[in-house]
Amino acid sequence: MQIARRNGVVSVDVSGIRTIGESATQRVDFESGGGAGFSTIPLVSAIALGDVPYAINLSGVGLEGFTLTLTALQPPQSGIPSVEVDWLALPGS
């Protein structure tokens, strides 16, 4: 049995984050043209790539996408305008 899943990499603008605790938020769509990617609310997981650790909050998960918030856990490195985030969505039950 094959499980329908969606995954991707999104680049989140973190240029406005200056101190620990500040956040950046971005909407992520499951389908590039918009529209529903699932028939039930999926389970979503994400991980930030790079040397600076970020807390990740996934909210507003729906059939079409979710909102991703990165919060700095240590002072950001200057000159890094964005962070790559890998995400995976699997059908919910």
PDB file of N, CA and C in Angstrom:
ATOM      1  N   MET A   1       0.841  -1.182   0.000  1.00  0.00           N
ATOM      2  CA  MET A   1       0.000   0.000   0.000  1.00  0.00           C
ATOM      3  C   MET A   1       0.886   1.245   0.000  1.00  0.00           C
ATOM      4  N   GLN A   2       0.595   2.135  -0.910  1.00  0.00           N
ATOM      5  CA  GLN A   2       1.360   3.375  -0.995  1.00  0.00           C
ATOM      6  C   GLN A   2       0.634   4.481  -0.232  1.00  0.00           C
ATOM      7  N   ILE A   3       1.379   5.210   0.578  1.00  0.00           N
ATOM      8  CA  ILE A   3       0.805   6.305   1.360  1.00  0.00           C
ATOM      9  C   ILE A   3       1.033   7.606   0.610  1.00  0.00           C
ATOM     10  N   ALA A   4      -0.060   8.337   0.367  1.00  0.00           N
ATOM     11  CA  ALA A   4       0.063   9.647  -0.274  1.00  0.00           C
ATOM     12  C   ALA A   4       0.699  10.601   0.722  1.00  0.00           C
ATOM     13  N   ARG A   5       1.780  11.214   0.326  1.00  0.00           N
ATOM     14  CA  ARG A   5       2.463  12.147   1.216  1.00  0.00           C
ATOM     15  C   ARG A   5       2.914  13.353   0.414  1.00  0.00           C
ATOM     16  N   ARG A   6       3.223  14.405   1.113  1.00  0.00           N
ATOM     17  CA  ARG A   6       3.773  15.610   0.502  1.00  0.00           C
ATOM     18  C   ARG A   6       5.002  15.979   1.309  1.00  0.00           C
ATOM     19  N   ASN A   7       6.009  16.484   0.637  1.00  0.00           N
ATOM     20  CA  ASN A   7       7.193  16.951   1.341  1.00  0.00           C
ATOM     21  C   ASN A   7       7.835  18.064   0.524  1.00  0.00           C
ATOM     22  N   GLY A   8       8.700  18.808   1.175  1.00  0.00           N
ATOM     23  CA  GLY A   8       9.370  19.888   0.476  1.00  0.00           C
ATOM     24  C   GLY A   8      10.382  20.592   1.357  1.00  0.00           C
ATOM     25  N   VAL A   9      10.981  21.584   0.759  1.00  0.00           N
ATOM     26  CA  VAL A   9      11.928  22.451   1.454  1.00  0.00           C
ATOM     27  C   VAL A   9      11.451  23.874   1.229  1.00  0.00           C
ATOM     28  N   VAL A  10      11.377  24.637   2.292  1.00  0.00           N
ATOM     29  CA  VAL A  10      10.973  26.032   2.193  1.00  0.00           C
ATOM     30  C   VAL A  10      12.084  26.897   2.776  1.00  0.00           C
ATOM     31  N   SER A  11      12.300  28.037   2.165  1.00  0.00           N
ATOM     32  CA  SER A  11      13.291  28.996   2.641  1.00  0.00           C
ATOM     33  C   SER A  11      12.558  30.081   3.431  1.00  0.00           C
ATOM     34  N   VAL A  12      12.884  30.207   4.714  1.00  0.00           N
ATOM     35  CA  VAL A  12      12.212  31.168   5.596  1.00  0.00           C
ATOM     36  C   VAL A  12      13.121  32.373   5.814  1.00  0.00           C
ATOM     37  N   ASP A  13      12.583  33.565   5.558  1.00  0.00           N
ATOM     38  CA  ASP A  13      13.334  34.808   5.751  1.00  0.00           C
ATOM     39  C   ASP A  13      13.519  35.062   7.249  1.00  0.00           C
ATOM     40  N   VAL A  14      14.761  35.024   7.710  1.00  0.00           N
ATOM     41  CA  VAL A  14      15.069  35.276   9.126  1.00  0.00           C
ATOM     42  C   VAL A  14      15.892  36.552   9.298  1.00  0.00           C
ATOM     43  N   SER A  15      15.925  37.371   8.262  1.00  0.00           N
ATOM     44  CA  SER A  15      16.745  38.586   8.316  1.00  0.00           C
ATOM     45  C   SER A  15      16.282  39.563   9.397  1.00  0.00           C
ATOM     46  N   GLY A  16      15.018  39.464   9.816  1.00  0.00           N
ATOM     47  CA  GLY A  16      14.507  40.355  10.854  1.00  0.00           C
ATOM     48  C   GLY A  16      14.761  39.862  12.269  1.00  0.00           C
ATOM     49  N   ILE A  17      15.268  38.649  12.417  1.00  0.00           N
ATOM     50  CA  ILE A  17      15.545  38.102  13.749  1.00  0.00           C
ATOM     51  C   ILE A  17      16.897  38.616  14.230  1.00  0.00           C
ATOM     52  N   ARG A  18      16.889  39.301  15.360  1.00  0.00           N
ATOM     53  CA  ARG A  18      18.117  39.897  15.892  1.00  0.00           C
ATOM     54  C   ARG A  18      18.559  39.294  17.227  1.00  0.00           C
ATOM     55  N   THR A  19      17.588  38.788  18.012  1.00  0.00           N
ATOM     56  CA  THR A  19      17.917  38.286  19.350  1.00  0.00           C
ATOM     57  C   THR A  19      17.209  36.959  19.622  1.00  0.00           C
ATOM     58  N   ILE A  20      17.636  36.306  20.681  1.00  0.00           N
ATOM     59  CA  ILE A  20      17.001  35.063  21.123  1.00  0.00           C
ATOM     60  C   ILE A  20      15.525  35.333  21.409  1.00  0.00           C
ATOM     61  N   GLY A  21      14.672  34.433  20.971  1.00  0.00           N
ATOM     62  CA  GLY A  21      13.240  34.555  21.230  1.00  0.00           C
ATOM     63  C   GLY A  21      12.455  35.228  20.127  1.00  0.00           C
ATOM     64  N   GLU A  22      13.118  35.905  19.210  1.00  0.00           N
ATOM     65  CA  GLU A  22      12.400  36.514  18.091  1.00  0.00           C
ATOM     66  C   GLU A  22      12.055  35.439  17.069  1.00  0.00           C
ATOM     67  N   SER A  23      10.975  35.688  16.309  1.00  0.00           N
ATOM     68  CA  SER A  23      10.449  34.673  15.404  1.00  0.00           C
ATOM     69  C   SER A  23      10.234  35.193  13.993  1.00  0.00           C
ATOM     70  N   ALA A  24      10.146  34.244  13.072  1.00  0.00           N
ATOM     71  CA  ALA A  24       9.773  34.508  11.682  1.00  0.00           C
ATOM     72  C   ALA A  24       8.704  33.489  11.309  1.00  0.00           C
ATOM     73  N   THR A  25       7.671  33.937  10.599  1.00  0.00           N
ATOM     74  CA  THR A  25       6.544  33.078  10.247  1.00  0.00           C
ATOM     75  C   THR A  25       6.348  33.062   8.740  1.00  0.00           C
ATOM     76  N   GLN A  26       5.960  31.888   8.231  1.00  0.00           N
ATOM     77  CA  GLN A  26       5.709  31.751   6.793  1.00  0.00           C
ATOM     78  C   GLN A  26       4.628  30.703   6.555  1.00  0.00           C
ATOM     79  N   ARG A  27       3.764  30.966   5.608  1.00  0.00           N
ATOM     80  CA  ARG A  27       2.735  30.010   5.192  1.00  0.00           C
ATOM     81  C   ARG A  27       3.350  29.039   4.188  1.00  0.00           C
ATOM     82  N   VAL A  28       3.018  27.747   4.308  1.00  0.00           N
ATOM     83  CA  VAL A  28       3.504  26.712   3.397  1.00  0.00           C
ATOM     84  C   VAL A  28       2.295  25.991   2.817  1.00  0.00           C
ATOM     85  N   ASP A  29       2.223  25.904   1.487  1.00  0.00           N
ATOM     86  CA  ASP A  29       1.149  25.182   0.806  1.00  0.00           C
ATOM     87  C   ASP A  29       1.634  23.800   0.398  1.00  0.00           C
ATOM     88  N   PHE A  30       0.742  22.799   0.493  1.00  0.00           N
ATOM     89  CA  PHE A  30       1.106  21.440   0.096  1.00  0.00           C
ATOM     90  C   PHE A  30       1.251  21.317  -1.418  1.00  0.00           C
ATOM     91  N   GLU A  31       0.430  22.033  -2.164  1.00  0.00           N
ATOM     92  CA  GLU A  31       0.475  22.019  -3.626  1.00  0.00           C
ATOM     93  C   GLU A  31       1.003  23.363  -4.110  1.00  0.00           C
ATOM     94  N   SER A  32       1.879  23.346  -5.105  1.00  0.00           N
ATOM     95  CA  SER A  32       2.500  24.592  -5.571  1.00  0.00           C
ATOM     96  C   SER A  32       1.478  25.588  -6.110  1.00  0.00           C
ATOM     97  N   GLY A  33       0.398  25.126  -6.689  1.00  0.00           N
ATOM     98  CA  GLY A  33      -0.618  26.029  -7.214  1.00  0.00           C
ATOM     99  C   GLY A  33      -1.734  26.303  -6.235  1.00  0.00           C
ATOM    100  N   GLY A  34      -1.573  25.868  -4.993  1.00  0.00           N
ATOM    101  CA  GLY A  34      -2.638  25.997  -4.008  1.00  0.00           C
ATOM    102  C   GLY A  34      -3.590  24.814  -4.127  1.00  0.00           C
ATOM    103  N   GLY A  35      -4.664  24.853  -3.419  1.00  0.00           N
ATOM    104  CA  GLY A  35      -5.620  23.754  -3.451  1.00  0.00           C
ATOM    105  C   GLY A  35      -5.295  22.690  -2.420  1.00  0.00           C
ATOM    106  N   ALA A  36      -6.261  21.802  -2.221  1.00  0.00           N
ATOM    107  CA  ALA A  36      -6.124  20.763  -1.201  1.00  0.00           C
ATOM    108  C   ALA A  36      -5.090  19.724  -1.601  1.00  0.00           C
ATOM    109  N   GLY A  37      -4.214  19.404  -0.671  1.00  0.00           N
ATOM    110  CA  GLY A  37      -3.227  18.357  -0.888  1.00  0.00           C
ATOM    111  C   GLY A  37      -3.629  17.060  -0.222  1.00  0.00           C
ATOM    112  N   PHE A  38      -4.634  17.139   0.672  1.00  0.00           N
ATOM    113  CA  PHE A  38      -5.091  15.973   1.421  1.00  0.00           C
ATOM    114  C   PHE A  38      -6.608  16.010   1.549  1.00  0.00           C
ATOM    115  N   SER A  39      -7.201  14.847   1.813  1.00  0.00           N
ATOM    116  CA  SER A  39      -8.645  14.782   2.045  1.00  0.00           C
ATOM    117  C   SER A  39      -8.973  14.784   3.538  1.00  0.00           C
ATOM    118  N   THR A  40      -7.964  14.538   4.388  1.00  0.00           N
ATOM    119  CA  THR A  40      -8.102  14.647   5.843  1.00  0.00           C
ATOM    120  C   THR A  40      -6.928  15.482   6.355  1.00  0.00           C
ATOM    121  N   ILE A  41      -7.071  16.041   7.536  1.00  0.00           N
ATOM    122  CA  ILE A  41      -6.000  16.867   8.106  1.00  0.00           C
ATOM    123  C   ILE A  41      -4.754  15.996   8.287  1.00  0.00           C
ATOM    124  N   PRO A  42      -3.625  16.399   7.689  1.00  0.00           N
ATOM    125  CA  PRO A  42      -2.417  15.577   7.765  1.00  0.00           C
ATOM    126  C   PRO A  42      -1.612  15.805   9.045  1.00  0.00           C
ATOM    127  N   LEU A  43      -0.675  14.901   9.277  1.00  0.00           N
ATOM    128  CA  LEU A  43       0.333  15.055  10.324  1.00  0.00           C
ATOM    129  C   LEU A  43       1.552  15.672   9.662  1.00  0.00           C
ATOM    130  N   VAL A  44       2.093  16.741  10.242  1.00  0.00           N
ATOM    131  CA  VAL A  44       3.198  17.465   9.617  1.00  0.00           C
ATOM    132  C   VAL A  44       4.383  17.528  10.575  1.00  0.00           C
ATOM    133  N   SER A  45       5.568  17.346  10.022  1.00  0.00           N
ATOM    134  CA  SER A  45       6.811  17.437  10.779  1.00  0.00           C
ATOM    135  C   SER A  45       7.776  18.322   9.998  1.00  0.00           C
ATOM    136  N   ALA A  46       8.651  19.032  10.712  1.00  0.00           N
ATOM    137  CA  ALA A  46       9.613  19.911  10.041  1.00  0.00           C
ATOM    138  C   ALA A  46      10.905  19.983  10.841  1.00  0.00           C
ATOM    139  N   ILE A  47      11.997  20.264  10.136  1.00  0.00           N
ATOM    140  CA  ILE A  47      13.303  20.432  10.775  1.00  0.00           C
ATOM    141  C   ILE A  47      14.051  21.556  10.071  1.00  0.00           C
ATOM    142  N   ALA A  48      14.634  22.451  10.868  1.00  0.00           N
ATOM    143  CA  ALA A  48      15.430  23.552  10.316  1.00  0.00           C
ATOM    144  C   ALA A  48      16.853  23.061  10.075  1.00  0.00           C
ATOM    145  N   LEU A  49      17.412  23.431   8.935  1.00  0.00           N
ATOM    146  CA  LEU A  49      18.767  23.040   8.572  1.00  0.00           C
ATOM    147  C   LEU A  49      19.734  24.170   8.888  1.00  0.00           C
ATOM    148  N   GLY A  50      20.968  23.845   9.162  1.00  0.00           N
ATOM    149  CA  GLY A  50      21.975  24.866   9.414  1.00  0.00           C
ATOM    150  C   GLY A  50      22.566  24.774  10.807  1.00  0.00           C
ATOM    151  N   ASP A  51      23.442  25.732  11.110  1.00  0.00           N
ATOM    152  CA  ASP A  51      24.185  25.718  12.369  1.00  0.00           C
ATOM    153  C   ASP A  51      23.467  26.394  13.532  1.00  0.00           C
ATOM    154  N   VAL A  52      22.489  27.248  13.250  1.00  0.00           N
ATOM    155  CA  VAL A  52      21.775  27.973  14.302  1.00  0.00           C
ATOM    156  C   VAL A  52      20.503  27.204  14.652  1.00  0.00           C
ATOM    157  N   PRO A  53      20.297  26.845  15.932  1.00  0.00           N
ATOM    158  CA  PRO A  53      19.092  26.103  16.300  1.00  0.00           C
ATOM    159  C   PRO A  53      17.859  27.012  16.371  1.00  0.00           C
ATOM    160  N   TYR A  54      16.757  26.505  15.879  1.00  0.00           N
ATOM    161  CA  TYR A  54      15.475  27.201  15.932  1.00  0.00           C
ATOM    162  C   TYR A  54      14.426  26.266  16.505  1.00  0.00           C
ATOM    163  N   ALA A  55      13.541  26.802  17.334  1.00  0.00           N
ATOM    164  CA  ALA A  55      12.350  26.065  17.742  1.00  0.00           C
ATOM    165  C   ALA A  55      11.362  26.197  16.590  1.00  0.00           C
ATOM    166  N   ILE A  56      10.651  25.125  16.298  1.00  0.00           N
ATOM    167  CA  ILE A  56       9.702  25.134  15.186  1.00  0.00           C
ATOM    168  C   ILE A  56       8.303  24.914  15.729  1.00  0.00           C
ATOM    169  N   ASN A  57       7.380  25.772  15.311  1.00  0.00           N
ATOM    170  CA  ASN A  57       5.973  25.610  15.647  1.00  0.00           C
ATOM    171  C   ASN A  57       5.190  25.496  14.344  1.00  0.00           C
ATOM    172  N   LEU A  58       4.373  24.459  14.242  1.00  0.00           N
ATOM    173  CA  LEU A  58       3.506  24.273  13.086  1.00  0.00           C
ATOM    174  C   LEU A  58       2.081  24.513  13.557  1.00  0.00           C
ATOM    175  N   SER A  59       1.402  25.456  12.925  1.00  0.00           N
ATOM    176  CA  SER A  59       0.044  25.787  13.339  1.00  0.00           C
ATOM    177  C   SER A  59      -0.844  25.908  12.109  1.00  0.00           C
ATOM    178  N   GLY A  60      -2.127  25.973  12.340  1.00  0.00           N
ATOM    179  CA  GLY A  60      -3.072  26.144  11.250  1.00  0.00           C
ATOM    180  C   GLY A  60      -2.986  25.051  10.199  1.00  0.00           C
ATOM    181  N   VAL A  61      -2.663  23.826  10.632  1.00  0.00           N
ATOM    182  CA  VAL A  61      -2.550  22.727   9.670  1.00  0.00           C
ATOM    183  C   VAL A  61      -3.935  22.412   9.128  1.00  0.00           C
ATOM    184  N   GLY A  62      -4.048  22.459   7.807  1.00  0.00           N
ATOM    185  CA  GLY A  62      -5.313  22.173   7.144  1.00  0.00           C
ATOM    186  C   GLY A  62      -5.088  21.331   5.909  1.00  0.00           C
ATOM    187  N   LEU A  63      -6.099  21.221   5.081  1.00  0.00           N
ATOM    188  CA  LEU A  63      -6.014  20.409   3.867  1.00  0.00           C
ATOM    189  C   LEU A  63      -5.087  21.017   2.828  1.00  0.00           C
ATOM    190  N   GLU A  64      -4.919  22.344   2.863  1.00  0.00           N
ATOM    191  CA  GLU A  64      -4.124  23.038   1.846  1.00  0.00           C
ATOM    192  C   GLU A  64      -2.703  23.366   2.281  1.00  0.00           C
ATOM    193  N   GLY A  65      -2.430  23.419   3.591  1.00  0.00           N
ATOM    194  CA  GLY A  65      -1.089  23.782   4.040  1.00  0.00           C
ATOM    195  C   GLY A  65      -1.045  24.050   5.529  1.00  0.00           C
ATOM    196  N   PHE A  66      -0.025  24.791   5.947  1.00  0.00           N
ATOM    197  CA  PHE A  66       0.181  25.073   7.363  1.00  0.00           C
ATOM    198  C   PHE A  66       1.006  26.343   7.509  1.00  0.00           C
ATOM    199  N   THR A  67       1.066  26.853   8.735  1.00  0.00           N
ATOM    200  CA  THR A  67       1.901  28.005   9.049  1.00  0.00           C
ATOM    201  C   THR A  67       3.094  27.523   9.860  1.00  0.00           C
ATOM    202  N   LEU A  68       4.271  27.956   9.443  1.00  0.00           N
ATOM    203  CA  LEU A  68       5.540  27.558  10.048  1.00  0.00           C
ATOM    204  C   LEU A  68       6.130  28.769  10.764  1.00  0.00           C
ATOM    205  N   THR A  69       6.475  28.617  12.047  1.00  0.00           N
ATOM    206  CA  THR A  69       7.118  29.684  12.805  1.00  0.00           C
ATOM    207  C   THR A  69       8.453  29.189  13.342  1.00  0.00           C
ATOM    208  N   LEU A  70       9.511  29.933  13.056  1.00  0.00           N
ATOM    209  CA  LEU A  70      10.842  29.646  13.583  1.00  0.00           C
ATOM    210  C   LEU A  70      11.150  30.661  14.673  1.00  0.00           C
ATOM    211  N   THR A  71      11.619  30.187  15.831  1.00  0.00           N
ATOM    212  CA  THR A  71      12.012  31.060  16.935  1.00  0.00           C
ATOM    213  C   THR A  71      13.470  30.783  17.272  1.00  0.00           C
ATOM    214  N   ALA A  72      14.279  31.850  17.323  1.00  0.00           N
ATOM    215  CA  ALA A  72      15.717  31.712  17.579  1.00  0.00           C
ATOM    216  C   ALA A  72      15.974  31.238  19.007  1.00  0.00           C
ATOM    217  N   LEU A  73      16.815  30.200  19.139  1.00  0.00           N
ATOM    218  CA  LEU A  73      17.195  29.680  20.453  1.00  0.00           C
ATOM    219  C   LEU A  73      18.562  30.174  20.902  1.00  0.00           C
ATOM    220  N   GLN A  74      19.291  30.792  19.995  1.00  0.00           N
ATOM    221  CA  GLN A  74      20.568  31.434  20.314  1.00  0.00           C
ATOM    222  C   GLN A  74      20.713  32.604  19.360  1.00  0.00           C
ATOM    223  N   PRO A  75      21.626  33.521  19.630  1.00  0.00           N
ATOM    224  CA  PRO A  75      21.760  34.684  18.746  1.00  0.00           C
ATOM    225  C   PRO A  75      22.033  34.242  17.306  1.00  0.00           C
ATOM    226  N   PRO A  76      21.259  34.778  16.357  1.00  0.00           N
ATOM    227  CA  PRO A  76      21.467  34.417  14.959  1.00  0.00           C
ATOM    228  C   PRO A  76      22.813  34.919  14.441  1.00  0.00           C
ATOM    229  N   GLN A  77      23.340  34.229  13.456  1.00  0.00           N
ATOM    230  CA  GLN A  77      24.571  34.669  12.806  1.00  0.00           C
ATOM    231  C   GLN A  77      24.227  35.803  11.851  1.00  0.00           C
ATOM    232  N   SER A  78      25.018  36.867  11.884  1.00  0.00           N
ATOM    233  CA  SER A  78      24.749  37.986  10.987  1.00  0.00           C
ATOM    234  C   SER A  78      25.055  37.572   9.554  1.00  0.00           C
ATOM    235  N   GLY A  79      24.333  38.149   8.635  1.00  0.00           N
ATOM    236  CA  GLY A  79      24.558  37.884   7.221  1.00  0.00           C
ATOM    237  C   GLY A  79      23.842  36.659   6.684  1.00  0.00           C
ATOM    238  N   ILE A  80      23.051  35.975   7.512  1.00  0.00           N
ATOM    239  CA  ILE A  80      22.282  34.821   7.031  1.00  0.00           C
ATOM    240  C   ILE A  80      20.829  35.272   6.867  1.00  0.00           C
ATOM    241  N   PRO A  81      20.402  35.507   5.611  1.00  0.00           N
ATOM    242  CA  PRO A  81      19.073  36.064   5.383  1.00  0.00           C
ATOM    243  C   PRO A  81      17.930  35.056   5.470  1.00  0.00           C
ATOM    244  N   SER A  82      18.247  33.757   5.311  1.00  0.00           N
ATOM    245  CA  SER A  82      17.171  32.769   5.320  1.00  0.00           C
ATOM    246  C   SER A  82      17.660  31.435   5.877  1.00  0.00           C
ATOM    247  N   VAL A  83      16.690  30.620   6.274  1.00  0.00           N
ATOM    248  CA  VAL A  83      16.957  29.280   6.799  1.00  0.00           C
ATOM    249  C   VAL A  83      16.125  28.295   5.985  1.00  0.00           C
ATOM    250  N   GLU A  84      16.748  27.214   5.568  1.00  0.00           N
ATOM    251  CA  GLU A  84      16.043  26.155   4.855  1.00  0.00           C
ATOM    252  C   GLU A  84      15.364  25.248   5.880  1.00  0.00           C
ATOM    253  N   VAL A  85      14.110  24.906   5.601  1.00  0.00           N
ATOM    254  CA  VAL A  85      13.352  24.017   6.480  1.00  0.00           C
ATOM    255  C   VAL A  85      12.796  22.866   5.642  1.00  0.00           C
ATOM    256  N   ASP A  86      13.136  21.632   6.016  1.00  0.00           N
ATOM    257  CA  ASP A  86      12.564  20.437   5.390  1.00  0.00           C
ATOM    258  C   ASP A  86      11.260  20.114   6.101  1.00  0.00           C
ATOM    259  N   TRP A  87      10.218  19.787   5.338  1.00  0.00           N
ATOM    260  CA  TRP A  87       8.956  19.401   5.957  1.00  0.00           C
ATOM    261  C   TRP A  87       8.400  18.152   5.282  1.00  0.00           C
ATOM    262  N   LEU A  88       7.600  17.414   6.038  1.00  0.00           N
ATOM    263  CA  LEU A  88       6.965  16.187   5.571  1.00  0.00           C
ATOM    264  C   LEU A  88       5.545  16.154   6.111  1.00  0.00           C
ATOM    265  N   ALA A  89       4.588  15.847   5.241  1.00  0.00           N
ATOM    266  CA  ALA A  89       3.192  15.731   5.646  1.00  0.00           C
ATOM    267  C   ALA A  89       2.666  14.357   5.242  1.00  0.00           C
ATOM    268  N   LEU A  90       2.052  13.670   6.194  1.00  0.00           N
ATOM    269  CA  LEU A  90       1.465  12.346   5.973  1.00  0.00           C
ATOM    270  C   LEU A  90      -0.023  12.409   6.279  1.00  0.00           C
ATOM    271  N   PRO A  91      -0.832  11.613   5.577  1.00  0.00           N
ATOM    272  CA  PRO A  91      -2.274  11.637   5.830  1.00  0.00           C
ATOM    273  C   PRO A  91      -2.592  11.334   7.287  1.00  0.00           C
ATOM    274  N   GLY A  92      -3.526  12.084   7.831  1.00  0.00           N
ATOM    275  CA  GLY A  92      -3.993  11.816   9.186  1.00  0.00           C
ATOM    276  C   GLY A  92      -4.997  10.675   9.168  1.00  0.00           C
ATOM    277  N   SER A  93      -5.390  10.248  10.338  1.00  0.00           N
ATOM    278  CA  SER A  93      -6.350   9.132  10.391  1.00  0.00           C
ATOM    279  C   SER A  93      -7.752   9.633  10.627  1.00  0.00           C
TER     280      SER A  93
END
